[in-house]
Amino acid sequence: MGGEHGDEPARDRGVEDALRESEHRLQLALAAGDLGAFDLDVTRGITFMSPRAYAIFGYEPGDPNVPRSLSEFFGVLHPEDADRVQQAVAAQLEADAPFDAEYRVRNARGEYVWVHCRARRFVEGGAVRVCGFLRDISARKHAEEHQRQLEAQLRHAQKMETLGTLAGGIAHDFNNLLVPMLGNAEYVLRKADLPAQHRAALQDIVTAALRAKELVQRILVFGRRSAHEVSQRVCVPDVARDALRLACTSLPPSIQIATEIDDGCPGVWGAPEQIHQAITNLCLNASHALQRAGTRLKLCVEAVEIDPAFATEHGMAAGPGLRVRVEDDGPGMPPEVLQRVFEPFFTANGGTAPAPRGGASSPTREGVGLGLWMVDTIVTRHGGAAVAHSTAGGGARFELYLPALSPARVGRATSPRTRAALVAARIVCVDDEPAVLRTLELLMQNAGHDVMFFTSALVALERVRGDANGVDLVITDQSMPELTGLDLARRLQALRADLPVIVLSGYAEANEASETPPNVRLYLRKPVRSEQLLDAISQVLAGGSG
């Protein structure tokens, strides 16, 4: 008997050792799987959690503040996940269904972390228990979100490349139509014996052609095919006032308009019509919002100092700058709309309705289509940044930041260009559109130039090859089927390095310094006005460049 009792402590130690070994193996398995375990007694509200489970919630082991009941657990769920998770838990408790879900919970620091939870219900002695495992999957979720963003950016880039190609093609063909309209009308207008009625009709054609040219420039901006023409100092206060007047024509009289415009703020270097378009789109966007709700629109223009942190975040230069601010007290935007407001074709309901503004609860919304995307595109191309601030029900504020005009460019912007004396020249003109060539022929021959016209770049090249020294200037279209204008210029460079070339282009598809041969002295945008072309010819023949 004694021997038997003497063996009991040994057997007890063996059981304890086996239990400790089993617990150790369980801990190793949980650690290897990066899993936190929990055991919730639903009936009595008692919860056991492993150290890793505590860590996932951001607490030290044993901290009494960790969620311990279903109601406390539901209280830390992310609002977007709460209904889904609560329904899954209810289904598990009622039908013994397996629980397997990914959702977000708020940790001790107030941050949301993604977890993957797998659990089962057990009934023991009338008590209902839920046991399972938790795993922190925040890193994977962030990686998936980053991947989705990259894929969205790729789709966006592909879409914009397609749109850019389409826009560029349309603009090129449209500009070729405008060249004879504008050129021939201006040619006839120079005749002194025209009746006043005929002169007025021709002037209307010129005006319409110039307005169509501005429309084409907007198409080119939309298609990202237009390098903005940084050709002059822009007085943004004047541009902003004009843009506000245009946008406010659609506002009801009850809307209050306020302005804070500093006429002493610095100028910017850029294309005034594009900056005008950007500010107009912001004002129109605000006016559409105010047609649904709100009573006030405010426009501010002021000098600012772009700090390095802001400049780095938004990809612009730090230093003196200018800010245009458009505010409204309309319906505002929720965060999910605000973060995508500068995307083309974005709507809160996921469709392709034209408006990029409004609350997610609105099934249809008014707006200005691609207006906000164009704002961002224009400002970025001017070296600036567009920023939006808004909350649902709290109005909206859009800010445009532009770099101030540097002292070096102030001198360039305010120095008038003197026109060189016009001399007769032997010019080779190349364009694959016969109507364009006929218009250029009228203009240049009337100015006294000896001009040879070619619809084929290869034929023109052979003509110059036969007598390179007998040509003073080559004027060529950029987009042609056999050779582009720049390709032709490169071959002419090999024949005669000092032979100047002027490139006419429907869009600036190759206007990059690294791609431009040194013999290309000027780019001119179609449709070119008569005086502009004659000035360009005179300037290049005098040895200047643009």
Protein backbone atom coordinates (compact mmCIF):
# COMPACT_ATOMS: atom_id res chain seq x y z
CA MET A 1 0.00 0.00 0.00
CA GLY A 2 2.80 2.34 0.97
CA GLY A 3 4.49 1.76 -2.33
CA GLU A 4 1.34 2.68 -4.14
CA HIS A 5 0.96 5.91 -2.17
CA GLY A 6 4.62 6.65 -2.76
CA ASP A 7 4.05 6.45 -6.49
CA GLU A 8 1.28 9.13 -6.48
CA PRO A 9 3.60 12.17 -6.25
CA ALA A 10 5.60 10.80 -9.13
CA ARG A 11 2.48 10.29 -11.21
CA ASP A 12 1.26 13.80 -10.29
CA ARG A 13 4.58 15.29 -11.34
CA GLY A 14 4.36 13.37 -14.58
CA VAL A 15 0.90 14.77 -15.29
CA GLU A 16 2.04 18.28 -14.44
CA ASP A 17 5.09 17.93 -16.67
CA ALA A 18 2.92 16.66 -19.52
CA LEU A 19 0.48 19.55 -18.98
CA ARG A 20 3.30 22.11 -18.99
CA GLU A 21 4.74 20.53 -22.13
CA SER A 22 1.33 20.65 -23.79
CA GLU A 23 0.88 24.31 -22.83
CA HIS A 24 4.39 25.07 -24.09
CA ARG A 25 3.65 23.44 -27.43
CA LEU A 26 0.39 25.38 -27.66
CA GLN A 27 2.22 28.64 -26.99
CA LEU A 28 4.81 27.76 -29.65
CA ALA A 29 2.06 27.00 -32.15
CA LEU A 30 0.25 30.26 -31.38
CA ALA A 31 3.51 32.21 -31.66
CA ALA A 32 4.41 30.51 -34.94
CA GLY A 33 1.04 31.46 -36.37
CA ASP A 34 1.15 34.94 -34.81
CA LEU A 35 -2.22 34.11 -33.28
CA GLY A 36 -3.98 35.45 -30.23
CA ALA A 37 -6.42 33.09 -28.50
CA PHE A 38 -9.61 33.99 -26.65
CA ASP A 39 -12.33 32.14 -24.76
CA LEU A 40 -15.52 34.11 -24.14
CA ASP A 41 -18.12 32.78 -21.74
CA VAL A 42 -21.17 34.53 -23.22
CA THR A 43 -23.48 33.44 -20.43
CA ARG A 44 -21.38 34.75 -17.54
CA GLY A 45 -19.45 37.49 -19.42
CA ILE A 46 -16.02 36.07 -18.56
CA THR A 47 -13.22 36.25 -21.11
CA PHE A 48 -9.80 34.67 -21.27
CA MET A 49 -7.27 36.22 -23.65
CA SER A 50 -3.74 35.17 -24.49
CA PRO A 51 -0.86 37.68 -24.31
CA ARG A 52 -0.87 38.03 -28.10
CA ALA A 53 -4.61 38.82 -28.08
CA TYR A 54 -3.97 41.57 -25.53
CA ALA A 55 -1.17 42.92 -27.76
CA ILE A 56 -3.43 43.00 -30.83
CA PHE A 57 -5.83 45.26 -28.91
CA GLY A 58 -2.88 47.35 -27.73
CA TYR A 59 -3.04 46.39 -24.03
CA GLU A 60 -0.62 44.79 -21.60
CA PRO A 61 -1.59 41.26 -20.46
CA GLY A 62 -4.16 41.43 -17.68
CA ASP A 63 -5.23 45.03 -18.37
CA PRO A 64 -8.89 45.26 -17.27
CA ASN A 65 -9.70 47.84 -19.97
CA VAL A 66 -9.48 45.33 -22.81
CA PRO A 67 -12.92 44.48 -24.31
CA ARG A 68 -14.25 41.49 -22.34
CA SER A 69 -17.89 41.15 -23.37
CA LEU A 70 -19.76 41.09 -26.67
CA SER A 71 -21.13 44.61 -26.08
CA GLU A 72 -17.64 45.97 -25.36
CA PHE A 73 -16.30 44.14 -28.39
CA PHE A 74 -19.03 45.59 -30.61
CA GLY A 75 -18.15 49.04 -29.25
CA VAL A 76 -14.61 48.98 -30.70
CA LEU A 77 -15.62 47.82 -34.19
CA HIS A 78 -15.05 50.19 -37.10
CA PRO A 79 -18.40 51.82 -38.04
CA GLU A 80 -18.17 50.46 -41.58
CA ASP A 81 -17.70 46.89 -40.29
CA ALA A 82 -20.03 46.91 -37.28
CA ASP A 83 -23.29 45.75 -38.91
CA ARG A 84 -21.61 42.98 -40.88
CA VAL A 85 -19.71 41.58 -37.88
CA GLN A 86 -22.68 41.79 -35.50
CA GLN A 87 -24.85 39.88 -37.98
CA ALA A 88 -22.16 37.20 -38.36
CA VAL A 89 -21.83 36.84 -34.56
CA ALA A 90 -25.62 36.58 -34.17
CA ALA A 91 -25.77 33.89 -36.85
CA GLN A 92 -23.02 31.94 -35.09
CA LEU A 93 -24.73 32.08 -31.71
CA GLU A 94 -28.14 31.09 -33.08
CA ALA A 95 -27.23 28.39 -35.57
CA ASP A 96 -23.78 27.24 -34.50
CA ALA A 97 -22.41 28.61 -37.76
CA PRO A 98 -18.63 29.00 -38.05
CA PHE A 99 -17.36 32.56 -37.66
CA ASP A 100 -14.63 33.58 -40.09
CA ALA A 101 -14.29 37.30 -40.80
CA GLU A 102 -11.88 40.16 -41.39
CA TYR A 103 -12.70 43.50 -39.80
CA ARG A 104 -11.24 46.53 -38.04
CA VAL A 105 -11.12 47.15 -34.29
CA ARG A 106 -10.04 50.24 -32.37
CA ASN A 107 -7.01 49.56 -30.17
CA ALA A 108 -5.93 51.20 -26.92
CA ARG A 109 -4.27 54.07 -28.85
CA GLY A 110 -7.49 54.88 -30.71
CA GLU A 111 -6.12 53.47 -34.00
CA TYR A 112 -7.93 50.92 -36.13
CA VAL A 113 -6.17 47.62 -36.86
CA TRP A 114 -7.30 44.88 -39.21
CA VAL A 115 -7.84 41.44 -37.65
CA HIS A 116 -8.78 38.03 -39.02
CA CYS A 117 -10.92 36.11 -36.54
CA ARG A 118 -11.97 32.44 -36.65
CA ALA A 119 -14.21 31.13 -33.87
CA ARG A 120 -16.79 28.45 -32.92
CA ARG A 121 -19.58 28.25 -30.41
CA PHE A 122 -19.58 25.59 -27.68
CA VAL A 123 -22.27 24.72 -25.13
CA GLU A 124 -21.07 23.17 -21.89
CA GLY A 125 -23.28 22.64 -18.85
CA GLY A 126 -25.80 25.17 -20.08
CA ALA A 127 -23.13 27.85 -20.62
CA VAL A 128 -22.44 29.24 -24.10
CA ARG A 129 -18.82 29.83 -24.94
CA VAL A 130 -17.14 31.25 -28.04
CA CYS A 131 -13.53 30.22 -28.57
CA GLY A 132 -11.28 31.29 -31.36
CA PHE A 133 -8.15 32.93 -32.66
CA LEU A 134 -7.23 36.46 -33.73
CA ARG A 135 -4.51 37.50 -36.13
CA ASP A 136 -3.32 41.04 -36.93
CA ILE A 137 -3.53 41.40 -40.73
CA SER A 138 -3.01 45.17 -40.92
CA ALA A 139 0.23 44.83 -42.92
CA ARG A 140 -1.47 42.64 -45.52
CA LYS A 141 -4.47 44.96 -45.77
CA HIS A 142 -2.22 47.99 -46.22
CA ALA A 143 -0.26 46.16 -48.91
CA GLU A 144 -3.50 45.22 -50.68
CA GLU A 145 -4.71 48.81 -50.49
CA HIS A 146 -1.39 50.03 -51.89
CA GLN A 147 -1.69 47.49 -54.69
CA ARG A 148 -5.23 48.67 -55.44
CA GLN A 149 -4.01 52.25 -55.58
CA LEU A 150 -1.21 51.30 -57.96
CA GLU A 151 -3.66 49.42 -60.18
CA ALA A 152 -6.05 52.38 -60.12
CA GLN A 153 -3.19 54.72 -61.05
CA LEU A 154 -2.24 52.41 -63.91
CA ARG A 155 -5.83 52.28 -65.18
CA HIS A 156 -6.02 56.06 -64.85
CA ALA A 157 -2.75 56.51 -66.75
CA GLN A 158 -3.92 54.17 -69.51
CA LYS A 159 -7.25 55.95 -69.75
CA MET A 160 -5.62 59.37 -69.87
CA GLU A 161 -3.13 58.18 -72.49
CA THR A 162 -6.05 57.05 -74.65
CA LEU A 163 -7.90 60.31 -74.07
CA GLY A 164 -4.73 62.28 -74.73
CA THR A 165 -4.17 60.54 -78.04
CA LEU A 166 -7.79 61.15 -79.04
CA ALA A 167 -7.70 64.79 -77.93
CA GLY A 168 -4.41 65.40 -79.72
CA GLY A 169 -5.71 63.92 -82.96
CA ILE A 170 -8.92 65.95 -82.82
CA ALA A 171 -7.01 69.13 -82.02
CA HIS A 172 -4.53 68.57 -84.86
CA ASP A 173 -7.27 68.07 -87.45
CA PHE A 174 -9.34 70.94 -86.09
CA ASN A 175 -6.38 73.32 -86.14
CA ASN A 176 -5.66 72.40 -89.75
CA LEU A 177 -9.23 73.46 -90.55
CA LEU A 178 -8.80 76.73 -88.67
CA VAL A 179 -5.61 77.72 -90.52
CA PRO A 180 -7.32 78.45 -93.87
CA MET A 181 -10.35 79.99 -92.13
CA LEU A 182 -8.29 82.42 -90.11
CA GLY A 183 -5.55 83.02 -92.67
CA ASN A 184 -7.81 83.65 -95.66
CA ALA A 185 -10.13 85.91 -93.67
CA GLU A 186 -7.20 88.01 -92.47
CA TYR A 187 -5.75 88.10 -96.00
CA VAL A 188 -8.97 89.46 -97.48
CA LEU A 189 -9.39 91.92 -94.60
CA ARG A 190 -6.15 93.61 -95.63
CA LYS A 191 -7.77 94.79 -98.86
CA ALA A 192 -8.64 98.46 -98.52
CA ASP A 193 -11.67 98.53 -100.85
CA LEU A 194 -13.90 96.13 -98.90
CA PRO A 195 -17.44 97.31 -98.14
CA ALA A 196 -18.05 97.82 -94.44
CA GLN A 197 -20.63 95.02 -94.34
CA HIS A 198 -18.18 92.54 -95.89
CA ARG A 199 -15.41 93.66 -93.55
CA ALA A 200 -17.65 93.11 -90.53
CA ALA A 201 -18.58 89.63 -91.77
CA LEU A 202 -14.93 88.70 -92.23
CA GLN A 203 -14.06 90.09 -88.80
CA ASP A 204 -16.74 87.83 -87.33
CA ILE A 205 -15.02 84.87 -89.02
CA VAL A 206 -11.67 85.89 -87.52
CA THR A 207 -13.22 86.29 -84.06
CA ALA A 208 -14.95 82.91 -84.29
CA ALA A 209 -11.72 81.24 -85.44
CA LEU A 210 -9.79 82.72 -82.52
CA ARG A 211 -12.45 81.54 -80.06
CA ALA A 212 -12.26 78.09 -81.65
CA LYS A 213 -8.49 78.20 -81.16
CA GLU A 214 -9.02 78.80 -77.43
CA LEU A 215 -11.44 75.86 -77.36
CA VAL A 216 -8.79 73.63 -78.93
CA GLN A 217 -6.33 74.70 -76.25
CA ARG A 218 -8.79 73.48 -73.62
CA ILE A 219 -9.07 70.16 -75.45
CA LEU A 220 -5.29 69.89 -75.42
CA VAL A 221 -5.15 70.59 -71.69
CA PHE A 222 -7.81 67.92 -71.17
CA GLY A 223 -5.75 65.45 -73.17
CA ARG A 224 -2.49 66.43 -71.43
CA ARG A 225 -1.06 67.24 -74.86
CA SER A 226 -0.47 70.92 -74.37
CA ALA A 227 2.68 72.27 -72.82
CA HIS A 228 1.31 75.49 -71.37
CA GLU A 229 2.74 78.51 -73.07
CA VAL A 230 4.65 80.29 -70.30
CA SER A 231 4.94 83.37 -72.44
CA GLN A 232 3.86 86.24 -70.25
CA ARG A 233 3.38 87.67 -66.80
CA VAL A 234 -0.12 86.90 -65.51
CA CYS A 235 -1.87 89.33 -63.17
CA VAL A 236 -3.92 86.82 -61.21
CA PRO A 237 -6.13 89.39 -59.38
CA ASP A 238 -7.46 90.69 -62.72
CA VAL A 239 -7.92 87.16 -64.06
CA ALA A 240 -9.72 86.09 -60.87
CA ARG A 241 -12.18 89.01 -60.97
CA ASP A 242 -13.08 88.22 -64.58
CA ALA A 243 -13.50 84.52 -63.80
CA LEU A 244 -15.80 85.33 -60.86
CA ARG A 245 -17.96 87.60 -63.02
CA LEU A 246 -18.37 84.79 -65.55
CA ALA A 247 -19.27 82.16 -62.95
CA CYS A 248 -21.69 84.30 -60.95
CA THR A 249 -24.06 84.82 -63.86
CA SER A 250 -25.70 81.48 -62.98
CA LEU A 251 -26.16 82.27 -59.25
CA PRO A 252 -29.49 83.40 -57.83
CA PRO A 253 -29.63 86.94 -56.35
CA SER A 254 -29.86 85.53 -52.82
CA ILE A 255 -26.26 84.31 -52.90
CA GLN A 256 -23.79 86.63 -51.19
CA ILE A 257 -20.54 87.22 -53.10
CA ALA A 258 -17.47 88.32 -51.15
CA THR A 259 -13.92 88.99 -52.33
CA GLU A 260 -10.57 89.60 -50.68
CA ILE A 261 -8.18 90.32 -53.54
CA ASP A 262 -4.73 91.79 -52.97
CA ASP A 263 -3.81 93.76 -56.07
CA GLY A 264 -0.26 94.07 -54.76
CA CYS A 265 0.42 90.33 -54.76
CA PRO A 266 3.13 89.09 -57.16
CA GLY A 267 2.46 87.98 -60.69
CA VAL A 268 2.93 84.45 -61.97
CA TRP A 269 4.52 83.18 -65.16
CA GLY A 270 2.14 81.23 -67.35
CA ALA A 271 -0.77 81.09 -69.76
CA PRO A 272 -3.50 83.56 -68.66
CA GLU A 273 -6.30 81.74 -70.47
CA GLN A 274 -5.49 78.51 -68.63
CA ILE A 275 -5.29 80.17 -65.21
CA HIS A 276 -8.57 81.90 -66.04
CA GLN A 277 -10.07 78.49 -66.89
CA ALA A 278 -8.90 76.99 -63.58
CA ILE A 279 -10.37 79.79 -61.45
CA THR A 280 -13.57 79.82 -63.51
CA ASN A 281 -14.01 76.09 -62.93
CA LEU A 282 -13.59 76.53 -59.17
CA CYS A 283 -16.16 79.34 -59.10
CA LEU A 284 -18.57 77.32 -61.25
CA ASN A 285 -18.08 74.33 -58.98
CA ALA A 286 -18.99 76.46 -55.96
CA SER A 287 -22.00 77.93 -57.77
CA HIS A 288 -23.35 74.45 -58.53
CA ALA A 289 -22.97 73.51 -54.87
CA LEU A 290 -24.81 76.67 -53.79
CA GLN A 291 -27.73 75.87 -56.06
CA ARG A 292 -28.42 72.88 -53.78
CA ALA A 293 -27.72 74.57 -50.43
CA GLY A 294 -25.84 77.52 -48.98
CA THR A 295 -25.85 81.30 -49.26
CA ARG A 296 -22.24 82.50 -49.59
CA LEU A 297 -19.34 82.34 -52.07
CA LYS A 298 -15.98 83.94 -51.35
CA LEU A 299 -12.96 84.47 -53.61
CA CYS A 300 -9.56 85.42 -52.18
CA VAL A 301 -6.25 86.13 -53.91
CA GLU A 302 -3.21 86.73 -51.71
CA ALA A 303 0.56 86.45 -51.52
CA VAL A 304 1.87 83.53 -49.46
CA GLU A 305 5.17 81.90 -48.56
CA ILE A 306 5.26 78.27 -49.69
CA ASP A 307 6.98 76.42 -46.84
CA PRO A 308 9.33 73.50 -47.65
CA ALA A 309 7.12 70.83 -46.07
CA PHE A 310 4.08 71.85 -48.14
CA ALA A 311 6.23 72.19 -51.26
CA THR A 312 7.67 68.68 -50.83
CA GLU A 313 4.24 67.15 -50.19
CA HIS A 314 2.71 68.73 -53.28
CA GLY A 315 5.68 68.61 -55.66
CA MET A 316 6.30 72.34 -56.08
CA ALA A 317 9.04 74.79 -55.24
CA ALA A 318 9.24 76.46 -51.83
CA GLY A 319 9.43 80.25 -51.56
CA PRO A 320 7.25 83.22 -52.55
CA GLY A 321 3.94 82.23 -54.03
CA LEU A 322 0.36 83.18 -54.63
CA ARG A 323 -2.83 81.55 -53.34
CA VAL A 324 -6.28 81.64 -54.90
CA ARG A 325 -8.99 80.51 -52.49
CA VAL A 326 -12.62 79.79 -53.40
CA GLU A 327 -14.99 79.03 -50.49
CA ASP A 328 -18.68 78.18 -50.29
CA ASP A 329 -21.03 77.22 -47.46
CA GLY A 330 -22.79 74.59 -49.55
CA PRO A 331 -23.45 70.92 -48.71
CA GLY A 332 -19.77 70.00 -48.56
CA MET A 333 -18.29 66.56 -49.17
CA PRO A 334 -17.68 63.48 -47.02
CA PRO A 335 -14.09 62.17 -46.77
CA GLU A 336 -14.52 59.44 -49.38
CA VAL A 337 -15.57 62.05 -51.96
CA LEU A 338 -13.03 64.65 -50.91
CA GLN A 339 -10.05 62.33 -51.40
CA ARG A 340 -11.07 61.66 -55.02
CA VAL A 341 -12.45 65.05 -55.96
CA PHE A 342 -9.71 65.84 -58.52
CA GLU A 343 -10.13 62.52 -60.36
CA PRO A 344 -11.74 62.62 -63.82
CA PHE A 345 -15.20 61.02 -64.17
CA PHE A 346 -15.49 60.43 -60.42
CA THR A 347 -18.93 60.52 -58.81
CA ALA A 348 -19.92 59.71 -55.24
CA ASN A 349 -22.24 56.94 -56.40
CA GLY A 350 -19.58 55.28 -58.54
CA GLY A 351 -21.14 56.27 -61.85
CA THR A 352 -20.06 58.64 -64.57
CA ALA A 353 -22.36 61.57 -63.87
CA PRO A 354 -20.59 64.82 -64.65
CA ALA A 355 -20.26 66.36 -61.22
CA PRO A 356 -17.17 65.85 -59.07
CA ARG A 357 -18.77 67.50 -56.04
CA GLY A 358 -21.55 66.66 -53.64
CA GLY A 359 -22.58 64.33 -50.88
CA ALA A 360 -22.60 60.58 -51.16
CA SER A 361 -26.29 60.50 -50.33
CA SER A 362 -27.28 62.39 -53.49
CA PRO A 363 -28.25 60.00 -56.30
CA THR A 364 -27.72 62.67 -58.95
CA ARG A 365 -25.67 65.82 -58.72
CA GLU A 366 -25.02 68.87 -60.81
CA GLY A 367 -21.50 70.00 -61.57
CA VAL A 368 -18.89 70.96 -64.12
CA GLY A 369 -17.82 67.54 -65.39
CA LEU A 370 -14.07 67.30 -65.69
CA GLY A 371 -13.70 70.82 -64.32
CA LEU A 372 -11.91 70.00 -61.07
CA TRP A 373 -9.59 67.52 -62.76
CA MET A 374 -8.71 70.23 -65.30
CA VAL A 375 -8.06 72.66 -62.42
CA ASP A 376 -5.54 70.24 -60.92
CA THR A 377 -3.95 69.57 -64.33
CA ILE A 378 -3.56 73.27 -65.19
CA VAL A 379 -2.17 74.28 -61.82
CA THR A 380 0.28 71.35 -61.74
CA ARG A 381 1.54 72.29 -65.19
CA HIS A 382 2.21 75.79 -63.91
CA GLY A 383 4.39 74.36 -61.14
CA GLY A 384 1.71 74.74 -58.48
CA ALA A 385 -0.74 72.62 -56.51
CA ALA A 386 -4.51 72.37 -55.96
CA VAL A 387 -5.82 71.48 -52.49
CA ALA A 388 -9.40 70.79 -51.35
CA HIS A 389 -10.86 71.02 -47.82
CA SER A 390 -14.40 70.01 -46.92
CA THR A 391 -16.68 68.11 -44.57
CA ALA A 392 -20.18 66.80 -45.13
CA GLY A 393 -22.54 69.68 -44.37
CA GLY A 394 -19.66 72.08 -43.72
CA GLY A 395 -19.09 73.76 -47.08
CA ALA A 396 -15.93 73.49 -49.16
CA ARG A 397 -12.69 75.41 -49.68
CA PHE A 398 -10.45 75.00 -52.72
CA GLU A 399 -6.98 76.51 -52.82
CA LEU A 400 -4.66 77.01 -55.77
CA TYR A 401 -0.98 77.62 -55.01
CA LEU A 402 1.21 79.09 -57.76
CA PRO A 403 4.91 80.06 -57.61
CA ALA A 404 5.53 83.79 -57.76
CA LEU A 405 7.27 85.29 -60.76
CA SER A 406 11.04 85.32 -60.24
CA PRO A 407 13.00 88.59 -60.74
CA ALA A 408 14.76 87.14 -63.79
CA ARG A 409 11.47 86.41 -65.47
CA VAL A 410 10.01 89.77 -64.52
CA GLY A 411 12.59 91.35 -66.79
CA ARG A 412 11.86 88.88 -69.54
CA ALA A 413 8.13 89.32 -69.20
CA THR A 414 8.15 93.10 -69.35
CA SER A 415 10.75 93.57 -72.08
CA PRO A 416 9.03 94.23 -75.39
CA ARG A 417 10.28 92.22 -78.36
CA THR A 418 11.38 94.37 -81.24
CA ARG A 419 10.35 93.21 -84.67
CA ALA A 420 13.22 92.77 -87.06
CA ALA A 421 13.06 94.39 -90.44
CA LEU A 422 11.18 92.17 -92.90
CA VAL A 423 13.41 90.98 -95.74
CA ALA A 424 12.58 88.77 -98.70
CA ALA A 425 13.67 85.19 -98.15
CA ARG A 426 13.76 81.85 -99.97
CA ILE A 427 11.51 79.63 -97.87
CA VAL A 428 10.61 75.94 -98.10
CA CYS A 429 7.19 75.29 -96.60
CA VAL A 430 6.02 71.74 -95.82
CA ASP A 431 2.51 70.61 -94.77
CA ASP A 432 0.48 67.59 -95.78
CA GLU A 433 -2.73 69.66 -95.87
CA PRO A 434 -3.11 71.45 -99.27
CA ALA A 435 -5.56 74.00 -97.83
CA VAL A 436 -2.99 75.01 -95.22
CA LEU A 437 -0.30 75.40 -97.88
CA ARG A 438 -2.55 77.57 -100.06
CA THR A 439 -3.22 79.86 -97.11
CA LEU A 440 0.49 80.14 -96.27
CA GLU A 441 1.24 80.78 -99.95
CA LEU A 442 -1.11 83.78 -100.02
CA LEU A 443 0.39 85.19 -96.84
CA MET A 444 4.10 84.75 -97.52
CA GLN A 445 4.12 85.56 -101.22
CA ASN A 446 2.09 88.69 -100.50
CA ALA A 447 4.84 89.64 -98.02
CA GLY A 448 7.44 89.34 -100.79
CA HIS A 449 9.01 85.98 -99.94
CA ASP A 450 10.06 83.42 -102.55
CA VAL A 451 8.36 80.27 -101.29
CA MET A 452 8.40 76.63 -102.45
CA PHE A 453 5.53 74.48 -101.10
CA PHE A 454 5.56 70.72 -100.56
CA THR A 455 2.96 68.28 -99.24
CA SER A 456 5.66 65.61 -98.84
CA ALA A 457 8.46 65.95 -96.30
CA LEU A 458 10.66 63.54 -98.27
CA VAL A 459 10.25 65.54 -101.49
CA ALA A 460 11.04 68.75 -99.59
CA LEU A 461 14.15 67.12 -98.13
CA GLU A 462 15.39 66.14 -101.59
CA ARG A 463 14.77 69.70 -102.82
CA VAL A 464 16.91 71.12 -100.03
CA ARG A 465 19.54 68.42 -100.60
CA GLY A 466 19.84 69.58 -104.21
CA ASP A 467 20.54 73.19 -103.22
CA ALA A 468 20.97 73.56 -99.46
CA ASN A 469 22.59 76.97 -99.76
CA GLY A 470 19.73 78.25 -101.88
CA VAL A 471 17.27 78.09 -98.95
CA ASP A 472 17.06 80.63 -96.12
CA LEU A 473 14.36 79.04 -93.96
CA VAL A 474 12.24 75.89 -93.67
CA ILE A 475 8.72 76.03 -92.19
CA THR A 476 7.27 72.60 -91.50
CA ASP A 477 4.23 71.04 -89.90
CA GLN A 478 5.05 68.69 -87.03
CA SER A 479 2.52 65.89 -87.62
CA MET A 480 3.00 64.41 -91.11
CA PRO A 481 2.77 60.82 -92.40
CA GLU A 482 6.29 60.36 -93.82
CA LEU A 483 8.43 62.35 -91.40
CA THR A 484 7.50 64.46 -88.41
CA GLY A 485 8.62 68.06 -88.43
CA LEU A 486 11.38 67.29 -85.91
CA ASP A 487 12.56 64.30 -87.94
CA LEU A 488 12.76 66.52 -91.00
CA ALA A 489 14.68 69.12 -88.97
CA ARG A 490 17.20 66.49 -87.85
CA ARG A 491 17.87 65.44 -91.46
CA LEU A 492 18.17 69.08 -92.51
CA GLN A 493 20.65 69.57 -89.65
CA ALA A 494 22.87 66.91 -91.23
CA LEU A 495 22.69 68.64 -94.61
CA ARG A 496 23.27 72.19 -93.36
CA ALA A 497 23.67 72.90 -89.65
CA ASP A 498 22.86 76.62 -89.86
CA LEU A 499 19.61 76.27 -91.85
CA PRO A 500 16.87 77.52 -89.45
CA VAL A 501 13.58 75.69 -89.06
CA ILE A 502 10.20 76.85 -87.74
CA VAL A 503 7.87 74.06 -86.61
CA LEU A 504 4.10 74.51 -86.82
CA SER A 505 2.16 72.21 -84.54
CA GLY A 506 -1.46 71.46 -83.82
CA TYR A 507 -0.32 70.32 -80.38
CA ALA A 508 3.03 70.40 -78.58
CA GLU A 509 3.65 66.66 -78.79
CA ALA A 510 7.42 66.97 -79.03
CA ASN A 511 8.17 70.36 -77.56
CA GLU A 512 10.86 69.13 -75.19
CA ALA A 513 14.34 70.67 -75.14
CA SER A 514 16.04 67.28 -74.99
CA GLU A 515 14.32 66.22 -78.22
CA THR A 516 14.58 69.43 -80.19
CA PRO A 517 17.34 69.73 -82.81
CA PRO A 518 19.39 72.93 -82.45
CA ASN A 519 18.30 74.19 -85.87
CA VAL A 520 14.65 74.44 -84.70
CA ARG A 521 14.40 78.11 -83.76
CA LEU A 522 10.69 78.47 -83.04
CA TYR A 523 7.53 76.50 -82.35
CA LEU A 524 4.30 78.11 -83.51
CA ARG A 525 0.91 76.80 -82.47
CA LYS A 526 -1.70 76.35 -85.19
CA PRO A 527 -3.72 78.22 -86.20
CA VAL A 528 -1.08 80.93 -86.42
CA ARG A 529 -2.17 84.50 -87.09
CA SER A 530 -0.74 86.29 -90.10
CA GLU A 531 1.18 88.93 -88.15
CA GLN A 532 2.50 86.29 -85.75
CA LEU A 533 3.91 84.20 -88.60
CA LEU A 534 5.46 87.20 -90.35
CA ASP A 535 7.01 88.33 -87.07
CA ALA A 536 8.41 84.84 -86.52
CA ILE A 537 9.93 84.71 -90.01
CA SER A 538 11.48 88.14 -89.57
CA GLN A 539 12.84 87.21 -86.14
CA VAL A 540 14.42 83.93 -87.28
CA LEU A 541 15.96 85.49 -90.38
CA ALA A 542 17.46 88.16 -88.12
CA GLY A 543 19.06 85.45 -86.01
CA GLY A 544 16.62 85.34 -83.07
CA SER A 545 14.80 82.47 -81.42
CA GLY A 546 11.73 82.00 -79.29
